[in-house]
Amino acid sequence: LGISLLATVLEDEATHSAVYAGSAGNAAAIRSAGHRAAFGVDATVLPERADFGTERFDRVQFNFPHWRGKSNNRYNRELLGGFLASASGMLTERGEVHVALCDGQGGSSSTSLQQWRGSWMAGQHGAEAGLLLARVEP
């Protein structure tokens, strides 16, 4: 299929393995399939990673990002905005960024200004990073 996967996590490998029981097995499965697993990756500074070099990606995915504690919208917005700005610099010409959020977090389904202000404002942060919100799926 020509797929090359690079799975990343923020924590270093030892910490991640100590916290998540399946971490080592998942990393081993990814690597045994010929793909890469990288630990200690801050998704807000991807272009600064020397080990990525000038590598560019067709798709960058961030699954359920959140600041520690999950409920601090200001920090979650900063995290999402930083990721989108970072990821936009890692894309091929037709590359895409995908972010999995819980219902209501992105802000696109808001029906009032108050709801939108309580969201992570994904569309706005994407636009500020030069990205276009093309699709929202449940």
Protein backbone atom coordinates (compact mmCIF):
# COMPACT_ATOMS: atom_id res chain seq x y z
CA LEU A 1 0.00 0.00 0.00
CA GLY A 2 2.99 2.31 0.29
CA ILE A 3 2.06 3.44 3.79
CA SER A 4 4.77 4.67 6.13
CA LEU A 5 3.61 5.27 9.70
CA LEU A 6 5.33 7.36 12.33
CA ALA A 7 3.53 7.12 15.69
CA THR A 8 4.59 9.63 18.34
CA VAL A 9 3.89 10.37 22.00
CA LEU A 10 4.92 13.23 24.26
CA GLU A 11 6.36 11.19 27.13
CA ASP A 12 9.75 9.51 26.97
CA GLU A 13 9.60 5.77 26.34
CA ALA A 14 10.26 4.68 29.94
CA THR A 15 7.61 7.00 31.39
CA HIS A 16 5.04 6.04 28.75
CA SER A 17 5.66 2.33 29.34
CA ALA A 18 5.32 2.79 33.10
CA VAL A 19 2.00 4.63 32.76
CA TYR A 20 0.38 2.69 29.90
CA ALA A 21 0.47 -1.11 30.17
CA GLY A 22 0.24 -1.68 26.41
CA SER A 23 2.84 0.90 25.41
CA ALA A 24 5.83 -1.39 24.89
CA GLY A 25 3.75 -3.97 23.02
CA ASN A 26 2.19 -1.34 20.78
CA ALA A 27 5.57 0.20 19.96
CA ALA A 28 6.99 -3.26 19.23
CA ALA A 29 4.06 -4.09 16.92
CA ILE A 30 4.48 -0.80 15.04
CA ARG A 31 8.21 -1.37 14.64
CA SER A 32 7.87 -5.04 13.66
CA ALA A 33 5.54 -3.95 10.83
CA GLY A 34 8.36 -1.79 9.47
CA HIS A 35 7.06 1.51 10.83
CA ARG A 36 8.42 3.92 13.43
CA ALA A 37 7.44 4.79 16.99
CA ALA A 38 9.00 7.91 18.48
CA PHE A 39 8.82 9.02 22.10
CA GLY A 40 9.45 12.44 23.62
CA VAL A 41 7.83 14.27 20.70
CA ASP A 42 6.29 17.68 21.41
CA ALA A 43 3.63 18.09 18.71
CA THR A 44 3.84 21.89 18.95
CA VAL A 45 7.42 21.99 17.64
CA LEU A 46 7.54 19.25 14.98
CA PRO A 47 9.71 21.16 12.46
CA GLU A 48 12.38 21.56 15.16
CA ARG A 49 12.89 17.78 15.47
CA ALA A 50 16.30 17.01 14.02
CA ASP A 51 15.38 13.33 13.59
CA PHE A 52 12.55 14.27 11.20
CA GLY A 53 14.95 16.27 9.04
CA THR A 54 13.20 17.63 5.99
CA GLU A 55 10.63 14.82 6.02
CA ARG A 56 7.10 15.83 5.00
CA PHE A 57 3.87 13.94 5.55
CA ASP A 58 0.69 13.34 3.59
CA ARG A 59 -1.28 13.19 6.82
CA VAL A 60 -0.61 14.34 10.37
CA GLN A 61 -3.11 13.05 12.94
CA PHE A 62 -3.58 14.20 16.56
CA ASN A 63 -5.97 12.00 18.53
CA PHE A 64 -7.79 13.59 21.45
CA PRO A 65 -5.15 16.14 22.44
CA HIS A 66 -5.55 17.71 25.86
CA TRP A 67 -3.65 19.64 28.43
CA ARG A 68 -3.19 17.88 31.73
CA GLY A 69 -6.48 18.02 33.58
CA LYS A 70 -8.44 18.17 30.28
CA SER A 71 -10.81 20.96 31.31
CA ASN A 72 -8.63 24.03 30.89
CA ASN A 73 -9.87 25.49 27.59
CA ARG A 74 -7.25 28.24 27.44
CA TYR A 75 -4.38 25.75 27.58
CA ASN A 76 -6.19 23.32 25.27
CA ARG A 77 -6.62 26.11 22.71
CA GLU A 78 -2.91 26.93 22.98
CA LEU A 79 -2.03 23.26 22.53
CA LEU A 80 -4.30 22.88 19.51
CA GLY A 81 -3.10 26.14 17.94
CA GLY A 82 0.53 25.21 18.51
CA PHE A 83 0.00 21.77 17.02
CA LEU A 84 -1.81 23.10 13.94
CA ALA A 85 0.92 25.69 13.30
CA SER A 86 3.59 23.03 13.78
CA ALA A 87 1.86 20.38 11.66
CA SER A 88 1.22 22.80 8.81
CA GLY A 89 4.99 23.05 8.35
CA MET A 90 5.31 19.26 8.08
CA LEU A 91 2.88 18.64 5.21
CA THR A 92 3.42 17.69 1.61
CA GLU A 93 1.82 20.00 -0.95
CA ARG A 94 -1.56 18.23 -0.69
CA GLY A 95 -1.10 17.04 2.88
CA GLU A 96 -3.85 17.04 5.49
CA VAL A 97 -4.09 17.52 9.23
CA HIS A 98 -6.68 15.47 11.11
CA VAL A 99 -7.61 16.13 14.73
CA ALA A 100 -9.92 13.88 16.73
CA LEU A 101 -11.83 15.89 19.35
CA CYS A 102 -14.77 15.13 21.59
CA ASP A 103 -18.18 16.49 20.61
CA GLY A 104 -18.34 20.27 21.01
CA GLN A 105 -14.61 20.82 21.55
CA GLY A 106 -13.86 22.01 18.01
CA GLY A 107 -16.49 24.74 18.00
CA SER A 108 -17.90 24.06 14.53
CA SER A 109 -21.19 22.72 15.95
CA SER A 110 -21.72 25.69 18.28
CA THR A 111 -25.16 27.25 18.10
CA SER A 112 -24.33 30.32 20.17
CA LEU A 113 -21.43 32.68 20.69
CA GLN A 114 -21.17 31.43 24.28
CA GLN A 115 -20.76 27.82 23.12
CA TRP A 116 -18.14 28.83 20.56
CA ARG A 117 -16.21 30.81 23.18
CA GLY A 118 -16.24 27.69 25.37
CA SER A 119 -14.79 25.56 22.56
CA TRP A 120 -11.22 25.07 21.42
CA MET A 121 -11.94 27.14 18.29
CA ALA A 122 -10.34 24.60 15.94
CA GLY A 123 -11.37 26.34 12.72
CA GLN A 124 -9.90 29.65 13.84
CA HIS A 125 -6.60 28.08 14.93
CA GLY A 126 -6.42 26.15 11.67
CA ALA A 127 -6.96 29.31 9.64
CA GLU A 128 -4.26 31.10 11.64
CA ALA A 129 -1.91 28.23 10.68
CA GLY A 130 -2.80 28.57 7.00
CA LEU A 131 -5.10 25.54 7.04
CA LEU A 132 -8.69 25.19 5.86
CA LEU A 133 -11.31 23.29 7.85
CA ALA A 134 -12.58 21.02 5.09
CA ARG A 135 -14.73 18.53 6.94
CA VAL A 136 -16.19 17.72 10.35
CA GLU A 137 -17.29 14.16 11.07
CA PRO A 138 -19.10 12.76 14.08
